[in-house]
Amino acid sequence: MGLVQVTDTRLSWTLVAYFGICVLAGGASNGGFLANAFLQIIGLALLALVLMTSPSHSKSNRWLNRIGILAVAIGAFQFLPLPIEVWEKLPGRAELAEELALLEIGPGPVLLTLSYHESLASLTWWLPVVCLFVCLDRIGADWERSFSLVVVSACLTSLLLGFIQILAGKNSPAYIYEITNPGFLVGTFANANHMATLLLVSMPFLAASFRRQIISKRATSIELGLLAGLCAILFAIGIALVGSLTGYALAAPVIIASCAILFPEAKRAFLLLFVSGIGAGVGIFLLAEKLDNFFGGSLAASTTGREVLVKNTWQAIIDFFPAGTGLGTFQEVYTRYESLEEIDRTFANHAHNDYLEILLEFGLPGALVIALFFVWWLARARIIWTASTASPFAKAAVIASSVLLVHSGWDYPLRTVALGSIFAVCCLIMSRVTQSAPHFEYKNPNEGNKQTLRRGNSLFRL
């Protein structure tokens, strides 16, 4: 028994280290091929090690696991061989079959996906995130505090690199990726928007870590409070310097929600402020194109480009619904919907809207997974923010995951291993909470300072 406990402890620290590497080295979707390949290999090795040496101590919610299994099954279904007669009758395939017939070639192998090699490449891209989730779920240890500190530390590291980048100028050797946003604070990412998202998701985990110290020690040292305050100021400065509309629009609600973690007794007051913060964020989006700021014409061009992406992607979704085009096929399919006026030196590698891209590639099954996940997420968020026993890390996970879900509405943050890993950890933290989850609290001072641990089972297990 002691050997198993030691093994689980070592695996926990190994996974903490692997998570940190994922956040720092997985900052690009299409770029950083070698770094992502390294993360994939290490992820598979860790998965094999955990499955062979550690018995299952899963504490996660069964509904999240079922949704994950359904998503994996839909991905595997892309490689199902089909009779050519059936394939030609699927939406969007008839025109392709005619074009192939003119060239006197077949669509072999005849699979549901239109490009099996792109689908395989996309599957390998998700390996680090899936392996991390499965390993953490299996060992079942209490790793939330360690992973929160990793998120904050990785963000500070990326922010420091970003400061060097903007001080050295557009040609700074501190830029990691060849295809990036030169002149902007991108840190360990290829995209400034994704760096802004890392700063946003780090704020609630910083607040949760500080709140945890308050709970466990009853009184926090001045030095610790100053350190947390300094980190928060650096994160705020980073958001200001990144130059990301996403960062500006989401900063207010994220900061307010993070403060609600620190001061849970003022929940109602922060709720009103949070609604105001959301209104301010919406206002920033509505007025952004009219404001004369340093976005300049690039913002208008970006907005126009996204409008074209959405229009063309919607048309493709309609043409291929409900079967979809197959995992990872967006780039090849999208080129068929670009007009001659829209073609330039840039190319669309993603829809800049993860939900539309999922609908295009997976069709009706993809829409089902999205709907089921949001039902699960909303149920868990309600439990966490209404249960008095929910840990600060669970509340931080709700805030951070909501940032990623909202940002996915106009970008593709989850397509990077770094942010995808954080999202997986957030979902796992949320799934481990019940309405009476384990929680540290203290008795009345008149009764002594003994720490107690409350446990219980929730009737609502969604």
Protein backbone atom coordinates (compact mmCIF):
# COMPACT_ATOMS: atom_id res chain seq x y z
CA MET A 1 0.00 0.00 0.00
CA GLY A 2 2.83 2.36 0.83
CA LEU A 3 4.48 1.67 -2.53
CA VAL A 4 1.28 2.61 -4.38
CA GLN A 5 1.02 5.85 -2.41
CA VAL A 6 4.61 6.80 -3.25
CA THR A 7 4.02 5.95 -6.88
CA ASP A 8 0.89 8.12 -7.01
CA THR A 9 2.78 11.01 -5.41
CA ARG A 10 5.56 10.78 -7.96
CA LEU A 11 3.07 10.55 -10.78
CA SER A 12 1.28 13.63 -9.46
CA TRP A 13 4.46 15.70 -9.50
CA THR A 14 5.37 14.32 -12.93
CA LEU A 15 1.99 15.36 -14.28
CA VAL A 16 2.35 18.79 -12.69
CA ALA A 17 5.65 19.22 -14.52
CA TYR A 18 4.15 17.95 -17.78
CA PHE A 19 1.25 20.38 -17.44
CA GLY A 20 3.70 23.26 -17.00
CA ILE A 21 5.59 22.22 -20.13
CA CYS A 22 2.32 22.03 -22.07
CA VAL A 23 1.39 25.59 -21.07
CA LEU A 24 4.83 26.98 -21.93
CA ALA A 25 5.62 24.97 -25.08
CA GLY A 26 2.16 24.48 -26.59
CA GLY A 27 1.44 28.05 -27.62
CA ALA A 28 0.73 27.50 -31.33
CA SER A 29 -1.85 25.52 -33.28
CA ASN A 30 -0.18 25.11 -36.67
CA GLY A 31 3.28 26.34 -35.72
CA GLY A 32 5.65 24.69 -33.28
CA PHE A 33 5.48 21.27 -34.91
CA LEU A 34 8.50 19.85 -33.08
CA ALA A 35 7.36 21.13 -29.68
CA ASN A 36 3.89 19.68 -30.13
CA ALA A 37 5.32 16.37 -31.35
CA PHE A 38 7.44 16.23 -28.20
CA LEU A 39 4.37 16.88 -26.03
CA GLN A 40 2.46 14.14 -27.85
CA ILE A 41 5.19 11.55 -27.29
CA ILE A 42 5.61 12.43 -23.61
CA GLY A 43 1.83 12.42 -23.14
CA LEU A 44 1.51 8.90 -24.54
CA ALA A 45 4.41 7.70 -22.37
CA LEU A 46 2.79 9.16 -19.24
CA LEU A 47 -0.56 7.63 -20.15
CA ALA A 48 1.02 4.19 -20.51
CA LEU A 49 2.89 4.64 -17.22
CA VAL A 50 -0.24 5.67 -15.31
CA LEU A 51 -2.36 2.86 -16.75
CA MET A 52 0.26 0.26 -15.87
CA THR A 53 1.33 1.44 -12.41
CA SER A 54 -1.58 3.31 -10.82
CA PRO A 55 -4.98 1.86 -9.90
CA SER A 56 -7.95 4.02 -10.75
CA HIS A 57 -8.89 6.59 -8.09
CA SER A 58 -11.20 8.59 -10.32
CA LYS A 59 -13.22 11.31 -8.59
CA SER A 60 -14.62 12.92 -11.71
CA ASN A 61 -18.27 13.21 -12.60
CA ARG A 62 -19.60 10.34 -14.70
CA TRP A 63 -21.46 12.65 -17.10
CA LEU A 64 -18.30 14.43 -18.15
CA ASN A 65 -16.66 11.06 -18.83
CA ARG A 66 -19.63 9.97 -20.92
CA ILE A 67 -19.53 13.16 -22.97
CA GLY A 68 -15.80 12.64 -23.50
CA ILE A 69 -16.33 9.03 -24.59
CA LEU A 70 -19.03 10.19 -27.01
CA ALA A 71 -16.68 12.79 -28.50
CA VAL A 72 -13.93 10.19 -28.93
CA ALA A 73 -16.41 7.78 -30.55
CA ILE A 74 -17.52 10.45 -33.02
CA GLY A 75 -13.89 11.12 -33.88
CA ALA A 76 -13.22 7.43 -34.44
CA PHE A 77 -16.38 7.17 -36.57
CA GLN A 78 -14.69 9.47 -39.10
CA PHE A 79 -12.59 6.49 -40.24
CA LEU A 80 -15.53 4.15 -40.79
CA PRO A 81 -15.34 2.59 -44.31
CA LEU A 82 -18.44 3.28 -46.40
CA PRO A 83 -19.79 1.79 -49.63
CA ILE A 84 -19.24 4.23 -52.49
CA GLU A 85 -22.99 4.34 -53.15
CA VAL A 86 -23.65 5.46 -49.58
CA TRP A 87 -20.77 7.96 -49.61
CA GLU A 88 -22.05 9.68 -52.77
CA LYS A 89 -25.48 10.20 -51.20
CA LEU A 90 -24.12 11.99 -48.14
CA PRO A 91 -24.67 15.79 -48.22
CA GLY A 92 -21.96 17.65 -50.14
CA ARG A 93 -20.39 14.52 -51.62
CA ALA A 94 -22.26 14.35 -54.96
CA GLU A 95 -20.40 17.32 -56.45
CA LEU A 96 -17.08 15.91 -55.23
CA ALA A 97 -17.90 12.54 -56.79
CA GLU A 98 -18.62 14.23 -60.14
CA GLU A 99 -15.29 16.08 -60.04
CA LEU A 100 -13.43 12.87 -59.22
CA ALA A 101 -15.26 11.04 -62.02
CA LEU A 102 -14.08 13.62 -64.54
CA LEU A 103 -10.51 12.92 -63.41
CA GLU A 104 -11.22 9.18 -63.61
CA ILE A 105 -10.20 8.62 -60.00
CA GLY A 106 -12.08 7.44 -56.93
CA PRO A 107 -12.35 8.94 -53.45
CA GLY A 108 -10.55 5.95 -51.89
CA PRO A 109 -10.35 5.13 -49.17
CA VAL A 110 -14.07 5.81 -48.91
CA LEU A 111 -14.48 7.14 -45.39
CA LEU A 112 -16.85 9.56 -43.69
CA THR A 113 -14.07 12.16 -43.45
CA LEU A 114 -13.07 13.87 -46.68
CA SER A 115 -9.37 13.76 -45.74
CA TYR A 116 -8.21 10.89 -43.57
CA HIS A 117 -4.64 12.20 -43.27
CA GLU A 118 -5.88 15.56 -41.93
CA SER A 119 -8.16 13.72 -39.51
CA LEU A 120 -5.25 11.62 -38.26
CA ALA A 121 -3.11 14.73 -37.83
CA SER A 122 -5.88 16.40 -35.79
CA LEU A 123 -6.23 13.34 -33.58
CA THR A 124 -2.52 13.41 -32.72
CA TRP A 125 -2.78 17.15 -32.03
CA TRP A 126 -5.24 16.45 -29.20
CA LEU A 127 -3.11 13.73 -27.59
CA PRO A 128 -1.42 15.89 -24.91
CA VAL A 129 -4.73 17.28 -23.66
CA VAL A 130 -6.49 13.89 -23.64
CA CYS A 131 -3.54 12.12 -22.00
CA LEU A 132 -3.28 14.79 -19.30
CA PHE A 133 -6.99 14.59 -18.54
CA VAL A 134 -7.07 10.78 -18.33
CA CYS A 135 -3.93 10.59 -16.17
CA LEU A 136 -5.12 13.22 -13.70
CA ASP A 137 -8.55 11.64 -13.48
CA ARG A 138 -7.07 8.21 -12.81
CA ILE A 139 -4.66 9.14 -10.02
CA GLY A 140 -7.40 11.08 -8.21
CA ALA A 141 -4.97 13.03 -6.02
CA ASP A 142 -5.68 16.51 -4.65
CA TRP A 143 -3.55 18.42 -7.14
CA GLU A 144 -5.68 21.57 -7.60
CA ARG A 145 -3.41 23.89 -5.61
CA SER A 146 -0.25 22.72 -7.41
CA PHE A 147 -1.81 23.19 -10.83
CA SER A 148 -3.08 26.64 -9.91
CA LEU A 149 0.43 27.68 -8.98
CA VAL A 150 1.72 26.23 -12.27
CA VAL A 151 -0.78 28.33 -14.26
CA VAL A 152 0.24 31.50 -12.42
CA SER A 153 3.97 30.73 -12.71
CA ALA A 154 3.72 29.90 -16.42
CA CYS A 155 1.81 33.12 -17.01
CA LEU A 156 4.48 35.17 -15.23
CA THR A 157 7.19 33.43 -17.31
CA SER A 158 5.33 34.11 -20.55
CA LEU A 159 4.69 37.70 -19.48
CA LEU A 160 8.38 38.29 -18.75
CA LEU A 161 9.26 36.99 -22.22
CA GLY A 162 6.59 39.28 -23.65
CA PHE A 163 8.10 42.34 -21.98
CA ILE A 164 11.43 41.46 -23.61
CA GLN A 165 9.72 41.12 -26.99
CA ILE A 166 8.10 44.55 -27.02
CA LEU A 167 11.21 46.25 -25.63
CA ALA A 168 13.41 44.71 -28.35
CA GLY A 169 11.02 45.58 -31.19
CA LYS A 170 9.43 43.66 -34.06
CA ASN A 171 12.66 41.88 -34.97
CA SER A 172 13.32 40.64 -31.45
CA PRO A 173 14.85 37.14 -31.26
CA ALA A 174 12.61 36.57 -28.23
CA TYR A 175 9.70 35.70 -30.54
CA ILE A 176 9.43 31.91 -30.46
CA TYR A 177 7.37 31.30 -33.59
CA GLU A 178 8.07 32.35 -37.16
CA ILE A 179 4.40 33.09 -37.84
CA THR A 180 3.39 35.44 -35.04
CA ASN A 181 2.29 39.02 -34.24
CA PRO A 182 5.59 40.96 -34.38
CA GLY A 183 5.69 44.05 -32.23
CA PHE A 184 3.05 42.69 -29.85
CA LEU A 185 3.40 41.06 -26.44
CA VAL A 186 2.75 37.42 -27.34
CA GLY A 187 4.98 35.72 -24.77
CA THR A 188 5.20 31.97 -25.35
CA PHE A 189 2.33 32.08 -27.86
CA ALA A 190 2.17 32.73 -31.57
CA ASN A 191 -1.00 34.82 -31.21
CA ALA A 192 -1.51 37.93 -29.06
CA ASN A 193 -5.16 37.02 -28.40
CA HIS A 194 -4.09 33.71 -26.89
CA MET A 195 -1.56 35.44 -24.65
CA ALA A 196 -4.33 37.73 -23.44
CA THR A 197 -6.45 34.68 -22.68
CA LEU A 198 -3.65 33.13 -20.59
CA LEU A 199 -3.47 36.34 -18.57
CA LEU A 200 -7.24 36.28 -18.05
CA VAL A 201 -7.44 32.63 -16.94
CA SER A 202 -4.50 33.11 -14.57
CA MET A 203 -6.26 35.83 -12.56
CA PRO A 204 -8.91 33.60 -10.92
CA PHE A 205 -6.29 30.96 -10.08
CA LEU A 206 -4.13 33.64 -8.48
CA ALA A 207 -7.14 34.71 -6.40
CA ALA A 208 -7.93 31.09 -5.51
CA SER A 209 -4.37 30.40 -4.36
CA PHE A 210 -4.42 33.49 -2.15
CA ARG A 211 -7.86 32.61 -0.78
CA ARG A 212 -6.63 29.11 0.02
CA GLN A 213 -3.88 30.60 2.17
CA ILE A 214 -6.43 32.71 4.01
CA ILE A 215 -8.57 29.64 4.68
CA SER A 216 -5.73 27.42 5.83
CA LYS A 217 -3.87 29.98 7.95
CA ARG A 218 -6.72 32.28 9.05
CA ALA A 219 -4.26 35.17 8.68
CA THR A 220 -2.05 35.82 5.68
CA SER A 221 1.33 37.44 5.97
CA ILE A 222 1.82 40.92 4.57
CA GLU A 223 4.58 39.61 2.30
CA LEU A 224 2.26 37.03 0.72
CA GLY A 225 -0.44 39.61 0.17
CA LEU A 226 2.02 42.00 -1.46
CA LEU A 227 3.27 39.22 -3.73
CA ALA A 228 -0.25 38.36 -4.87
CA GLY A 229 -1.02 42.04 -5.42
CA LEU A 230 2.15 42.49 -7.47
CA CYS A 231 1.24 39.52 -9.66
CA ALA A 232 -2.26 40.92 -10.21
CA ILE A 233 -0.80 44.29 -11.23
CA LEU A 234 1.60 42.61 -13.65
CA PHE A 235 -1.26 40.64 -15.20
CA ALA A 236 -3.29 43.85 -15.61
CA ILE A 237 -0.32 45.62 -17.22
CA GLY A 238 0.15 42.63 -19.51
CA ILE A 239 -3.48 42.80 -20.67
CA ALA A 240 -3.06 46.51 -21.37
CA LEU A 241 0.13 45.95 -23.40
CA VAL A 242 -0.96 42.87 -25.35
CA GLY A 243 -3.24 44.99 -27.52
CA SER A 244 -5.96 42.33 -27.73
CA LEU A 245 -9.61 43.31 -28.01
CA THR A 246 -10.44 40.01 -26.29
CA GLY A 247 -8.32 40.98 -23.30
CA TYR A 248 -9.89 44.43 -23.02
CA ALA A 249 -13.47 43.18 -23.34
CA LEU A 250 -13.17 40.31 -20.84
CA ALA A 251 -10.86 41.96 -18.31
CA ALA A 252 -13.55 43.67 -16.20
CA PRO A 253 -15.85 40.65 -15.65
CA VAL A 254 -12.86 38.35 -14.98
CA ILE A 255 -11.32 40.73 -12.42
CA ILE A 256 -14.67 41.19 -10.66
CA ALA A 257 -15.35 37.43 -10.58
CA SER A 258 -11.84 36.81 -9.25
CA CYS A 259 -12.44 39.31 -6.45
CA ALA A 260 -15.61 37.36 -5.60
CA ILE A 261 -13.36 34.36 -4.86
CA LEU A 262 -11.36 36.43 -2.41
CA PHE A 263 -14.44 37.89 -0.70
CA PRO A 264 -17.23 35.28 -0.92
CA GLU A 265 -19.26 37.02 1.79
CA ALA A 266 -19.95 39.91 -0.66
CA LYS A 267 -21.43 37.64 -3.33
CA ARG A 268 -24.47 39.80 -4.12
CA ALA A 269 -22.46 42.98 -4.49
CA PHE A 270 -20.02 41.30 -6.84
CA LEU A 271 -22.92 39.87 -8.85
CA LEU A 272 -24.14 43.37 -9.64
CA LEU A 273 -20.61 44.47 -10.50
CA PHE A 274 -20.16 41.37 -12.68
CA VAL A 275 -23.26 42.21 -14.72
CA SER A 276 -21.90 45.73 -15.14
CA GLY A 277 -18.55 44.29 -16.22
CA ILE A 278 -20.24 42.18 -18.88
CA GLY A 279 -22.04 45.27 -20.12
CA ALA A 280 -18.73 47.13 -20.32
CA GLY A 281 -17.21 44.25 -22.30
CA VAL A 282 -20.10 44.24 -24.78
CA GLY A 283 -19.73 47.99 -25.12
CA ILE A 284 -16.05 47.65 -25.95
CA PHE A 285 -16.89 45.23 -28.75
CA LEU A 286 -19.64 47.47 -30.14
CA LEU A 287 -17.53 50.63 -30.05
CA ALA A 288 -14.14 49.16 -30.91
CA GLU A 289 -14.26 49.94 -34.62
CA LYS A 290 -15.24 53.57 -33.92
CA LEU A 291 -12.56 54.22 -31.31
CA ASP A 292 -9.38 55.85 -32.49
CA ASN A 293 -6.88 53.65 -30.63
CA PHE A 294 -3.68 51.82 -31.48
CA PHE A 295 -5.61 48.99 -33.14
CA GLY A 296 -5.78 51.23 -36.16
CA GLY A 297 -6.99 49.72 -39.41
CA SER A 298 -5.88 46.22 -38.42
CA LEU A 299 -8.92 45.83 -36.17
CA ALA A 300 -11.33 46.71 -38.96
CA ALA A 301 -9.55 44.34 -41.31
CA SER A 302 -9.67 41.59 -38.70
CA THR A 303 -13.37 42.14 -38.06
CA THR A 304 -14.16 42.14 -41.77
CA GLY A 305 -12.11 38.99 -42.27
CA ARG A 306 -14.02 37.21 -39.51
CA GLU A 307 -17.35 38.24 -41.02
CA VAL A 308 -16.30 36.66 -44.31
CA LEU A 309 -15.11 33.54 -42.48
CA VAL A 310 -18.43 33.17 -40.70
CA LYS A 311 -20.44 33.68 -43.90
CA ASN A 312 -18.48 31.13 -45.90
CA THR A 313 -18.31 28.62 -43.04
CA TRP A 314 -22.07 28.78 -42.52
CA GLN A 315 -22.63 28.01 -46.18
CA ALA A 316 -20.29 25.03 -45.94
CA ILE A 317 -22.10 23.80 -42.80
CA ILE A 318 -25.43 23.93 -44.64
CA ASP A 319 -24.06 22.06 -47.65
CA PHE A 320 -22.51 19.22 -45.61
CA PHE A 321 -25.02 18.97 -42.76
CA PRO A 322 -25.75 16.64 -40.98
CA ALA A 323 -22.77 14.39 -41.82
CA GLY A 324 -20.06 17.06 -41.71
CA THR A 325 -16.78 17.07 -43.60
CA GLY A 326 -14.58 15.21 -41.13
CA LEU A 327 -12.15 16.06 -38.36
CA GLY A 328 -9.43 18.52 -39.38
CA THR A 329 -10.79 19.19 -42.87
CA PHE A 330 -11.78 22.85 -42.43
CA GLN A 331 -8.82 24.32 -44.30
CA GLU A 332 -9.27 22.13 -47.39
CA VAL A 333 -13.05 22.56 -47.50
CA TYR A 334 -13.03 26.31 -46.88
CA THR A 335 -11.02 27.06 -50.02
CA ARG A 336 -13.99 25.87 -52.11
CA TYR A 337 -16.12 28.68 -50.69
CA GLU A 338 -13.75 31.60 -51.17
CA SER A 339 -14.58 33.99 -53.99
CA LEU A 340 -11.85 35.40 -56.23
CA GLU A 341 -12.24 38.78 -54.51
CA GLU A 342 -11.58 37.21 -51.09
CA ILE A 343 -8.40 35.35 -52.05
CA ASP A 344 -5.17 37.07 -50.98
CA ARG A 345 -1.77 36.15 -49.53
CA THR A 346 -3.28 34.97 -46.24
CA PHE A 347 -5.11 31.69 -45.76
CA ALA A 348 -7.75 30.52 -43.29
CA ASN A 349 -6.37 27.66 -41.21
CA HIS A 350 -9.33 27.83 -38.79
CA ALA A 351 -12.82 29.31 -38.75
CA HIS A 352 -11.92 31.66 -35.87
CA ASN A 353 -15.03 30.23 -34.23
CA ASP A 354 -14.58 26.81 -32.68
CA TYR A 355 -18.30 26.12 -32.55
CA LEU A 356 -18.79 26.74 -36.27
CA GLU A 357 -15.70 24.67 -37.07
CA ILE A 358 -17.05 21.76 -35.01
CA LEU A 359 -20.42 22.02 -36.77
CA LEU A 360 -18.71 21.96 -40.16
CA GLU A 361 -16.41 19.03 -39.41
CA PHE A 362 -18.77 16.89 -37.29
CA GLY A 363 -22.22 18.01 -38.36
CA LEU A 364 -25.16 16.96 -36.19
CA PRO A 365 -23.09 14.72 -33.84
CA GLY A 366 -20.82 17.70 -33.16
CA ALA A 367 -23.82 19.89 -32.32
CA LEU A 368 -25.02 17.19 -29.92
CA VAL A 369 -21.69 17.10 -28.08
CA ILE A 370 -21.64 20.91 -27.79
CA ALA A 371 -25.20 20.94 -26.40
CA LEU A 372 -24.52 18.14 -23.89
CA PHE A 373 -21.31 19.79 -22.71
CA PHE A 374 -22.98 23.15 -22.10
CA VAL A 375 -25.78 21.49 -20.15
CA TRP A 376 -23.16 19.76 -17.99
CA TRP A 377 -21.04 22.92 -17.62
CA LEU A 378 -23.96 25.12 -16.59
CA ALA A 379 -25.12 22.53 -14.04
CA ARG A 380 -21.64 22.28 -12.52
CA ALA A 381 -21.19 26.06 -12.47
CA ARG A 382 -24.50 26.46 -10.62
CA ILE A 383 -23.48 23.87 -8.02
CA ILE A 384 -20.05 25.41 -7.49
CA TRP A 385 -21.22 29.00 -7.08
CA THR A 386 -24.24 28.17 -4.92
CA ALA A 387 -22.67 25.56 -2.62
CA SER A 388 -21.07 27.11 0.44
CA THR A 389 -18.55 24.27 0.56
CA ALA A 390 -17.11 24.72 -2.95
CA SER A 391 -13.37 25.28 -2.95
CA PRO A 392 -11.85 28.50 -4.36
CA PHE A 393 -10.08 26.42 -7.02
CA ALA A 394 -13.42 25.11 -8.30
CA LYS A 395 -14.71 28.68 -8.62
CA ALA A 396 -11.51 29.66 -10.43
CA ALA A 397 -12.01 26.74 -12.81
CA VAL A 398 -15.51 28.00 -13.64
CA ILE A 399 -14.21 31.50 -14.42
CA ALA A 400 -11.22 30.30 -16.44
CA SER A 401 -13.21 27.79 -18.47
CA SER A 402 -15.90 30.41 -19.17
CA VAL A 403 -13.22 32.73 -20.57
CA LEU A 404 -12.06 29.98 -22.93
CA LEU A 405 -15.61 29.09 -23.95
CA VAL A 406 -16.49 32.72 -24.67
CA HIS A 407 -13.24 33.37 -26.54
CA SER A 408 -13.93 30.27 -28.66
CA GLY A 409 -16.88 32.17 -30.10
CA TRP A 410 -14.55 34.34 -32.21
CA ASP A 411 -11.20 32.54 -32.11
CA TYR A 412 -9.63 29.11 -31.58
CA PRO A 413 -7.86 29.17 -28.18
CA LEU A 414 -8.59 25.49 -27.49
CA ARG A 415 -6.71 24.51 -30.64
CA THR A 416 -3.48 25.29 -28.78
CA VAL A 417 -2.11 22.66 -26.38
CA ALA A 418 -1.39 25.35 -23.78
CA LEU A 419 -4.95 26.65 -23.41
CA GLY A 420 -6.49 23.26 -24.21
CA SER A 421 -4.60 21.74 -21.27
CA ILE A 422 -5.82 24.48 -18.93
CA PHE A 423 -9.38 23.91 -20.12
CA ALA A 424 -9.09 20.14 -19.52
CA VAL A 425 -7.81 20.72 -15.98
CA CYS A 426 -10.61 23.22 -15.32
CA CYS A 427 -13.25 20.72 -16.43
CA LEU A 428 -11.72 18.01 -14.26
CA ILE A 429 -11.66 20.31 -11.21
CA MET A 430 -15.31 21.20 -11.81
CA SER A 431 -16.30 17.57 -12.20
CA ARG A 432 -14.82 16.62 -8.81
CA VAL A 433 -17.07 19.00 -6.87
CA THR A 434 -20.41 18.06 -5.31
CA GLN A 435 -22.87 20.23 -3.42
CA SER A 436 -21.13 19.22 -0.21
CA ALA A 437 -17.62 18.73 -1.54
CA PRO A 438 -14.57 18.46 0.76
CA HIS A 439 -13.81 21.91 2.08
CA PHE A 440 -11.48 23.38 4.70
CA GLU A 441 -13.12 25.62 7.26
CA TYR A 442 -12.59 26.67 10.85
CA LYS A 443 -14.72 26.49 13.94
CA ASN A 444 -15.78 29.47 15.96
CA PRO A 445 -12.73 31.10 17.60
CA ASN A 446 -14.35 30.48 20.98
CA GLU A 447 -14.25 26.76 20.24
CA GLY A 448 -10.60 26.69 19.24
CA ASN A 449 -8.69 26.84 15.99
CA LYS A 450 -8.83 23.18 15.06
CA GLN A 451 -9.16 22.59 11.33
CA THR A 452 -12.06 20.41 10.27
CA LEU A 453 -12.81 18.66 7.00
CA ARG A 454 -16.39 18.36 5.86
CA ARG A 455 -17.40 15.65 3.43
CA GLY A 456 -20.68 14.59 1.93
CA ASN A 457 -22.49 13.35 -1.15
CA SER A 458 -24.60 15.38 -3.52
CA LEU A 459 -27.99 14.21 -4.70
CA PHE A 460 -27.50 16.16 -7.92
CA ARG A 461 -24.69 14.30 -9.69
CA LEU A 462 -24.86 15.79 -13.20
